[in-house]
Amino acid sequence: FNNMAWYRQTPGKQRDVVADMRLGGATTTYA
């Protein structure tokens, strides 16, 4: 029921989105 994403984080840095998939799966975006 949600847009989902993969995030990554290295020590001392913020967590960033690297890949996103909109609800339904038809639309994806990448860093």
ModelCIF file with pLDDT and N, C-alpha, C, O atoms, coordinates in Angstrom:
data_MODEL
#
_entry.id   MODEL 
#
_entity.id                         1 
_entity.type                       polymer 
_entity.pdbx_number_of_molecules   1 
#
_entity_poly.entity_id                      1 
_entity_poly.type                           'polypeptide(L)' 
_entity_poly.nstd_linkage                   no 
_entity_poly.nstd_monomer                   no 
_entity_poly.pdbx_seq_one_letter_code       FNNMAWYRQTPGKQRDVVADMRLGGATTTYA 
_entity_poly.pdbx_seq_one_letter_code_can   FNNMAWYRQTPGKQRDVVADMRLGGATTTYA 
_entity_poly.pdbx_strand_id                 A 
#
loop_
_entity_poly_seq.entity_id 
_entity_poly_seq.num 
_entity_poly_seq.mon_id 
_entity_poly_seq.hetero 
1 1  PHE n 
1 2  ASN n 
1 3  ASN n 
1 4  MET n 
1 5  ALA n 
1 6  TRP n 
1 7  TYR n 
1 8  ARG n 
1 9  GLN n 
1 10 THR n 
1 11 PRO n 
1 12 GLY n 
1 13 LYS n 
1 14 GLN n 
1 15 ARG n 
1 16 ASP n 
1 17 VAL n 
1 18 VAL n 
1 19 ALA n 
1 20 ASP n 
1 21 MET n 
1 22 ARG n 
1 23 LEU n 
1 24 GLY n 
1 25 GLY n 
1 26 ALA n 
1 27 THR n 
1 28 THR n 
1 29 THR n 
1 30 TYR n 
1 31 ALA n 
#
_struct_asym.id          A 
_struct_asym.entity_id   1 
#
loop_
_ma_qa_metric.id 
_ma_qa_metric.mode 
_ma_qa_metric.name 
_ma_qa_metric.software_group_id 
_ma_qa_metric.type 
1 global pLDDT . pLDDT 
2 local  pLDDT . pLDDT 
#
_ma_qa_metric_global.metric_id      1 
_ma_qa_metric_global.metric_value   93.65 
_ma_qa_metric_global.model_id       1 
_ma_qa_metric_global.ordinal_id     1 
#
loop_
_ma_qa_metric_local.label_asym_id 
_ma_qa_metric_local.label_comp_id 
_ma_qa_metric_local.label_seq_id 
_ma_qa_metric_local.metric_id 
_ma_qa_metric_local.metric_value 
_ma_qa_metric_local.model_id 
_ma_qa_metric_local.ordinal_id 
A PHE 1  2 87.00 1 1  
A ASN 2  2 89.00 1 2  
A ASN 3  2 93.00 1 3  
A MET 4  2 94.00 1 4  
A ALA 5  2 97.00 1 5  
A TRP 6  2 98.00 1 6  
A TYR 7  2 98.00 1 7  
A ARG 8  2 98.00 1 8  
A GLN 9  2 98.00 1 9  
A THR 10 2 97.00 1 10 
A PRO 11 2 94.00 1 11 
A GLY 12 2 95.00 1 12 
A LYS 13 2 96.00 1 13 
A GLN 14 2 96.00 1 14 
A ARG 15 2 97.00 1 15 
A ASP 16 2 97.00 1 16 
A VAL 17 2 98.00 1 17 
A VAL 18 2 98.00 1 18 
A ALA 19 2 98.00 1 19 
A ASP 20 2 97.00 1 20 
A MET 21 2 95.00 1 21 
A ARG 22 2 92.00 1 22 
A LEU 23 2 85.00 1 23 
A GLY 24 2 77.00 1 24 
A GLY 25 2 75.00 1 25 
A ALA 26 2 81.00 1 26 
A THR 27 2 94.00 1 27 
A THR 28 2 96.00 1 28 
A THR 29 2 97.00 1 29 
A TYR 30 2 98.00 1 30 
A ALA 31 2 98.00 1 31 
#
loop_
_atom_site.group_PDB 
_atom_site.id 
_atom_site.type_symbol 
_atom_site.label_atom_id 
_atom_site.label_alt_id 
_atom_site.label_comp_id 
_atom_site.label_asym_id 
_atom_site.label_entity_id 
_atom_site.label_seq_id 
_atom_site.pdbx_PDB_ins_code 
_atom_site.Cartn_x 
_atom_site.Cartn_y 
_atom_site.Cartn_z 
_atom_site.occupancy 
_atom_site.B_iso_or_equiv 
_atom_site.pdbx_formal_charge 
_atom_site.auth_seq_id 
_atom_site.auth_comp_id 
_atom_site.auth_asym_id 
_atom_site.auth_atom_id 
_atom_site.pdbx_PDB_model_num 
ATOM 1   N N  . PHE A 1 1  ? 0.808  -1.206 0.000   1.00 87.00 ? 1  PHE A N  1 
ATOM 2   C CA . PHE A 1 1  ? 0.000  0.000  0.000   1.00 87.00 ? 1  PHE A CA 1 
ATOM 3   C C  . PHE A 1 1  ? 0.848  1.266  0.000   1.00 87.00 ? 1  PHE A C  1 
ATOM 4   O O  . PHE A 1 1  ? 0.319  2.373  0.094   1.00 87.00 ? 1  PHE A O  1 
ATOM 5   N N  . ASN A 1 2  ? 2.164  1.100  -0.106  1.00 89.00 ? 2  ASN A N  1 
ATOM 6   C CA . ASN A 1 2  ? 3.058  2.251  0.017   1.00 89.00 ? 2  ASN A CA 1 
ATOM 7   C C  . ASN A 1 2  ? 4.048  2.341  -1.130  1.00 89.00 ? 2  ASN A C  1 
ATOM 8   O O  . ASN A 1 2  ? 4.424  1.341  -1.740  1.00 89.00 ? 2  ASN A O  1 
ATOM 9   N N  . ASN A 1 3  ? 4.462  3.583  -1.405  1.00 93.00 ? 3  ASN A N  1 
ATOM 10  C CA . ASN A 1 3  ? 5.662  3.770  -2.211  1.00 93.00 ? 3  ASN A CA 1 
ATOM 11  C C  . ASN A 1 3  ? 6.820  3.257  -1.366  1.00 93.00 ? 3  ASN A C  1 
ATOM 12  O O  . ASN A 1 3  ? 6.889  3.544  -0.171  1.00 93.00 ? 3  ASN A O  1 
ATOM 13  N N  . MET A 1 4  ? 7.717  2.512  -1.965  1.00 94.00 ? 4  MET A N  1 
ATOM 14  C CA . MET A 1 4  ? 8.824  1.932  -1.217  1.00 94.00 ? 4  MET A CA 1 
ATOM 15  C C  . MET A 1 4  ? 10.155 2.370  -1.793  1.00 94.00 ? 4  MET A C  1 
ATOM 16  O O  . MET A 1 4  ? 10.254 2.713  -2.971  1.00 94.00 ? 4  MET A O  1 
ATOM 17  N N  . ALA A 1 5  ? 11.169 2.356  -0.957  1.00 97.00 ? 5  ALA A N  1 
ATOM 18  C CA . ALA A 1 5  ? 12.490 2.785  -1.395  1.00 97.00 ? 5  ALA A CA 1 
ATOM 19  C C  . ALA A 1 5  ? 13.576 2.006  -0.666  1.00 97.00 ? 5  ALA A C  1 
ATOM 20  O O  . ALA A 1 5  ? 13.362 1.462  0.418   1.00 97.00 ? 5  ALA A O  1 
ATOM 21  N N  . TRP A 1 6  ? 14.720 1.971  -1.277  1.00 98.00 ? 6  TRP A N  1 
ATOM 22  C CA . TRP A 1 6  ? 15.946 1.500  -0.634  1.00 98.00 ? 6  TRP A CA 1 
ATOM 23  C C  . TRP A 1 6  ? 16.776 2.726  -0.283  1.00 98.00 ? 6  TRP A C  1 
ATOM 24  O O  . TRP A 1 6  ? 16.922 3.659  -1.073  1.00 98.00 ? 6  TRP A O  1 
ATOM 25  N N  . TYR A 1 7  ? 17.309 2.689  0.926   1.00 98.00 ? 7  TYR A N  1 
ATOM 26  C CA . TYR A 1 7  ? 18.140 3.759  1.426   1.00 98.00 ? 7  TYR A CA 1 
ATOM 27  C C  . TYR A 1 7  ? 19.519 3.184  1.758   1.00 98.00 ? 7  TYR A C  1 
ATOM 28  O O  . TYR A 1 7  ? 19.676 1.978  1.945   1.00 98.00 ? 7  TYR A O  1 
ATOM 29  N N  . ARG A 1 8  ? 20.516 4.076  1.827   1.00 98.00 ? 8  ARG A N  1 
ATOM 30  C CA . ARG A 1 8  ? 21.807 3.633  2.317   1.00 98.00 ? 8  ARG A CA 1 
ATOM 31  C C  . ARG A 1 8  ? 22.421 4.719  3.187   1.00 98.00 ? 8  ARG A C  1 
ATOM 32  O O  . ARG A 1 8  ? 22.168 5.912  3.020   1.00 98.00 ? 8  ARG A O  1 
ATOM 33  N N  . GLN A 1 9  ? 23.242 4.250  4.124   1.00 98.00 ? 9  GLN A N  1 
ATOM 34  C CA . GLN A 1 9  ? 23.849 5.159  5.080   1.00 98.00 ? 9  GLN A CA 1 
ATOM 35  C C  . GLN A 1 9  ? 25.257 4.707  5.401   1.00 98.00 ? 9  GLN A C  1 
ATOM 36  O O  . GLN A 1 9  ? 25.514 3.521  5.610   1.00 98.00 ? 9  GLN A O  1 
ATOM 37  N N  . THR A 1 10 ? 26.169 5.674  5.437   1.00 97.00 ? 10 THR A N  1 
ATOM 38  C CA . THR A 1 10 ? 27.533 5.427  5.873   1.00 97.00 ? 10 THR A CA 1 
ATOM 39  C C  . THR A 1 10 ? 27.741 6.165  7.193   1.00 97.00 ? 10 THR A C  1 
ATOM 40  O O  . THR A 1 10 ? 27.016 7.114  7.490   1.00 97.00 ? 10 THR A O  1 
ATOM 41  N N  . PRO A 1 11 ? 28.720 5.741  7.981   1.00 94.00 ? 11 PRO A N  1 
ATOM 42  C CA . PRO A 1 11 ? 28.937 6.352  9.298   1.00 94.00 ? 11 PRO A CA 1 
ATOM 43  C C  . PRO A 1 11 ? 29.084 7.867  9.220   1.00 94.00 ? 11 PRO A C  1 
ATOM 44  O O  . PRO A 1 11 ? 29.850 8.387  8.409   1.00 94.00 ? 11 PRO A O  1 
ATOM 45  N N  . GLY A 1 12 ? 28.346 8.559  10.066  1.00 95.00 ? 12 GLY A N  1 
ATOM 46  C CA . GLY A 1 12 ? 28.445 10.013 10.156  1.00 95.00 ? 12 GLY A CA 1 
ATOM 47  C C  . GLY A 1 12 ? 27.676 10.771 9.103   1.00 95.00 ? 12 GLY A C  1 
ATOM 48  O O  . GLY A 1 12 ? 27.711 12.001 9.070   1.00 95.00 ? 12 GLY A O  1 
ATOM 49  N N  . LYS A 1 13 ? 26.977 10.047 8.236   1.00 96.00 ? 13 LYS A N  1 
ATOM 50  C CA . LYS A 1 13 ? 26.224 10.704 7.164   1.00 96.00 ? 13 LYS A CA 1 
ATOM 51  C C  . LYS A 1 13 ? 24.746 10.366 7.273   1.00 96.00 ? 13 LYS A C  1 
ATOM 52  O O  . LYS A 1 13 ? 24.362 9.406  7.942   1.00 96.00 ? 13 LYS A O  1 
ATOM 53  N N  . GLN A 1 14 ? 23.932 11.157 6.612   1.00 96.00 ? 14 GLN A N  1 
ATOM 54  C CA . GLN A 1 14 ? 22.497 10.917 6.645   1.00 96.00 ? 14 GLN A CA 1 
ATOM 55  C C  . GLN A 1 14 ? 22.147 9.747  5.745   1.00 96.00 ? 14 GLN A C  1 
ATOM 56  O O  . GLN A 1 14 ? 22.908 9.359  4.858   1.00 96.00 ? 14 GLN A O  1 
ATOM 57  N N  . ARG A 1 15 ? 20.988 9.209  5.999   1.00 97.00 ? 15 ARG A N  1 
ATOM 58  C CA . ARG A 1 15 ? 20.475 8.112  5.184   1.00 97.00 ? 15 ARG A CA 1 
ATOM 59  C C  . ARG A 1 15 ? 19.865 8.687  3.914   1.00 97.00 ? 15 ARG A C  1 
ATOM 60  O O  . ARG A 1 15 ? 19.009 9.569  3.984   1.00 97.00 ? 15 ARG A O  1 
ATOM 61  N N  . ASP A 1 16 ? 20.288 8.208  2.771   1.00 97.00 ? 16 ASP A N  1 
ATOM 62  C CA . ASP A 1 16 ? 19.826 8.727  1.480   1.00 97.00 ? 16 ASP A CA 1 
ATOM 63  C C  . ASP A 1 16 ? 19.061 7.664  0.696   1.00 97.00 ? 16 ASP A C  1 
ATOM 64  O O  . ASP A 1 16 ? 19.333 6.469  0.806   1.00 97.00 ? 16 ASP A O  1 
ATOM 65  N N  . VAL A 1 17 ? 18.111 8.124  -0.089  1.00 98.00 ? 17 VAL A N  1 
ATOM 66  C CA . VAL A 1 17 ? 17.387 7.234  -0.992  1.00 98.00 ? 17 VAL A CA 1 
ATOM 67  C C  . VAL A 1 17 ? 18.267 6.909  -2.188  1.00 98.00 ? 17 VAL A C  1 
ATOM 68  O O  . VAL A 1 17 ? 18.828 7.812  -2.808  1.00 98.00 ? 17 VAL A O  1 
ATOM 69  N N  . VAL A 1 18 ? 18.394 5.635  -2.518  1.00 98.00 ? 18 VAL A N  1 
ATOM 70  C CA . VAL A 1 18 ? 19.127 5.258  -3.728  1.00 98.00 ? 18 VAL A CA 1 
ATOM 71  C C  . VAL A 1 18 ? 18.181 4.755  -4.818  1.00 98.00 ? 18 VAL A C  1 
ATOM 72  O O  . VAL A 1 18 ? 18.493 4.852  -6.005  1.00 98.00 ? 18 VAL A O  1 
ATOM 73  N N  . ALA A 1 19 ? 17.026 4.219  -4.416  1.00 98.00 ? 19 ALA A N  1 
ATOM 74  C CA . ALA A 1 19 ? 16.075 3.715  -5.401  1.00 98.00 ? 19 ALA A CA 1 
ATOM 75  C C  . ALA A 1 19 ? 14.672 3.802  -4.827  1.00 98.00 ? 19 ALA A C  1 
ATOM 76  O O  . ALA A 1 19 ? 14.440 3.517  -3.652  1.00 98.00 ? 19 ALA A O  1 
ATOM 77  N N  . ASP A 1 20 ? 13.753 4.198  -5.673  1.00 97.00 ? 20 ASP A N  1 
ATOM 78  C CA . ASP A 1 20 ? 12.371 4.415  -5.237  1.00 97.00 ? 20 ASP A CA 1 
ATOM 79  C C  . ASP A 1 20 ? 11.419 3.743  -6.217  1.00 97.00 ? 20 ASP A C  1 
ATOM 80  O O  . ASP A 1 20 ? 11.633 3.765  -7.429  1.00 97.00 ? 20 ASP A O  1 
ATOM 81  N N  . MET A 1 21 ? 10.371 3.149  -5.671  1.00 95.00 ? 21 MET A N  1 
ATOM 82  C CA . MET A 1 21 ? 9.338  2.554  -6.528  1.00 95.00 ? 21 MET A CA 1 
ATOM 83  C C  . MET A 1 21 ? 7.982  3.068  -6.072  1.00 95.00 ? 21 MET A C  1 
ATOM 84  O O  . MET A 1 21 ? 7.603  2.913  -4.911  1.00 95.00 ? 21 MET A O  1 
ATOM 85  N N  . ARG A 1 22 ? 7.252  3.685  -7.005  1.00 92.00 ? 22 ARG A N  1 
ATOM 86  C CA . ARG A 1 22 ? 5.923  4.203  -6.691  1.00 92.00 ? 22 ARG A CA 1 
ATOM 87  C C  . ARG A 1 22 ? 4.936  3.050  -6.534  1.00 92.00 ? 22 ARG A C  1 
ATOM 88  O O  . ARG A 1 22 ? 5.151  1.951  -7.045  1.00 92.00 ? 22 ARG A O  1 
ATOM 89  N N  . LEU A 1 23 ? 3.859  3.326  -5.821  1.00 85.00 ? 23 LEU A N  1 
ATOM 90  C CA . LEU A 1 23 ? 2.790  2.353  -5.658  1.00 85.00 ? 23 LEU A CA 1 
ATOM 91  C C  . LEU A 1 23 ? 2.336  1.879  -7.027  1.00 85.00 ? 23 LEU A C  1 
ATOM 92  O O  . LEU A 1 23 ? 2.105  2.689  -7.925  1.00 85.00 ? 23 LEU A O  1 
ATOM 93  N N  . GLY A 1 24 ? 2.210  0.579  -7.186  1.00 77.00 ? 24 GLY A N  1 
ATOM 94  C CA . GLY A 1 24 ? 1.847  0.023  -8.481  1.00 77.00 ? 24 GLY A CA 1 
ATOM 95  C C  . GLY A 1 24 ? 3.049  -0.515 -9.229  1.00 77.00 ? 24 GLY A C  1 
ATOM 96  O O  . GLY A 1 24 ? 2.913  -1.392 -10.082 1.00 77.00 ? 24 GLY A O  1 
ATOM 97  N N  . GLY A 1 25 ? 4.218  0.003  -8.915  1.00 75.00 ? 25 GLY A N  1 
ATOM 98  C CA . GLY A 1 25 ? 5.453  -0.534 -9.464  1.00 75.00 ? 25 GLY A CA 1 
ATOM 99  C C  . GLY A 1 25 ? 5.840  -0.055 -10.839 1.00 75.00 ? 25 GLY A C  1 
ATOM 100 O O  . GLY A 1 25 ? 6.878  -0.458 -11.363 1.00 75.00 ? 25 GLY A O  1 
ATOM 101 N N  . ALA A 1 26 ? 5.022  0.804  -11.442 1.00 81.00 ? 26 ALA A N  1 
ATOM 102 C CA . ALA A 1 26 ? 5.309  1.212  -12.814 1.00 81.00 ? 26 ALA A CA 1 
ATOM 103 C C  . ALA A 1 26 ? 6.384  2.277  -12.903 1.00 81.00 ? 26 ALA A C  1 
ATOM 104 O O  . ALA A 1 26 ? 7.031  2.407  -13.942 1.00 81.00 ? 26 ALA A O  1 
ATOM 105 N N  . THR A 1 27 ? 6.590  3.035  -11.852 1.00 94.00 ? 27 THR A N  1 
ATOM 106 C CA . THR A 1 27 ? 7.528  4.154  -11.880 1.00 94.00 ? 27 THR A CA 1 
ATOM 107 C C  . THR A 1 27 ? 8.633  3.929  -10.861 1.00 94.00 ? 27 THR A C  1 
ATOM 108 O O  . THR A 1 27 ? 8.379  3.728  -9.673  1.00 94.00 ? 27 THR A O  1 
ATOM 109 N N  . THR A 1 28 ? 9.862  3.968  -11.354 1.00 96.00 ? 28 THR A N  1 
ATOM 110 C CA . THR A 1 28 ? 11.029 3.846  -10.475 1.00 96.00 ? 28 THR A CA 1 
ATOM 111 C C  . THR A 1 28 ? 11.963 5.011  -10.729 1.00 96.00 ? 28 THR A C  1 
ATOM 112 O O  . THR A 1 28 ? 12.053 5.507  -11.852 1.00 96.00 ? 28 THR A O  1 
ATOM 113 N N  . THR A 1 29 ? 12.655 5.448  -9.699  1.00 97.00 ? 29 THR A N  1 
ATOM 114 C CA . THR A 1 29 ? 13.663 6.488  -9.828  1.00 97.00 ? 29 THR A CA 1 
ATOM 115 C C  . THR A 1 29 ? 14.896 6.075  -9.049  1.00 97.00 ? 29 THR A C  1 
ATOM 116 O O  . THR A 1 29 ? 14.817 5.318  -8.081  1.00 97.00 ? 29 THR A O  1 
ATOM 117 N N  . TYR A 1 30 ? 16.034 6.585  -9.486  1.00 98.00 ? 30 TYR A N  1 
ATOM 118 C CA . TYR A 1 30 ? 17.309 6.205  -8.891  1.00 98.00 ? 30 TYR A CA 1 
ATOM 119 C C  . TYR A 1 30 ? 18.182 7.424  -8.654  1.00 98.00 ? 30 TYR A C  1 
ATOM 120 O O  . TYR A 1 30 ? 18.115 8.410  -9.387  1.00 98.00 ? 30 TYR A O  1 
ATOM 121 N N  . ALA A 1 31 ? 18.988 7.337  -7.632  1.00 98.00 ? 31 ALA A N  1 
ATOM 122 C CA . ALA A 1 31 ? 20.017 8.352  -7.423  1.00 98.00 ? 31 ALA A CA 1 
ATOM 123 C C  . ALA A 1 31 ? 20.972 8.311  -8.608  1.00 98.00 ? 31 ALA A C  1 
ATOM 124 O O  . ALA A 1 31 ? 21.930 9.083  -8.656  1.00 98.00 ? 31 ALA A O  1 
#
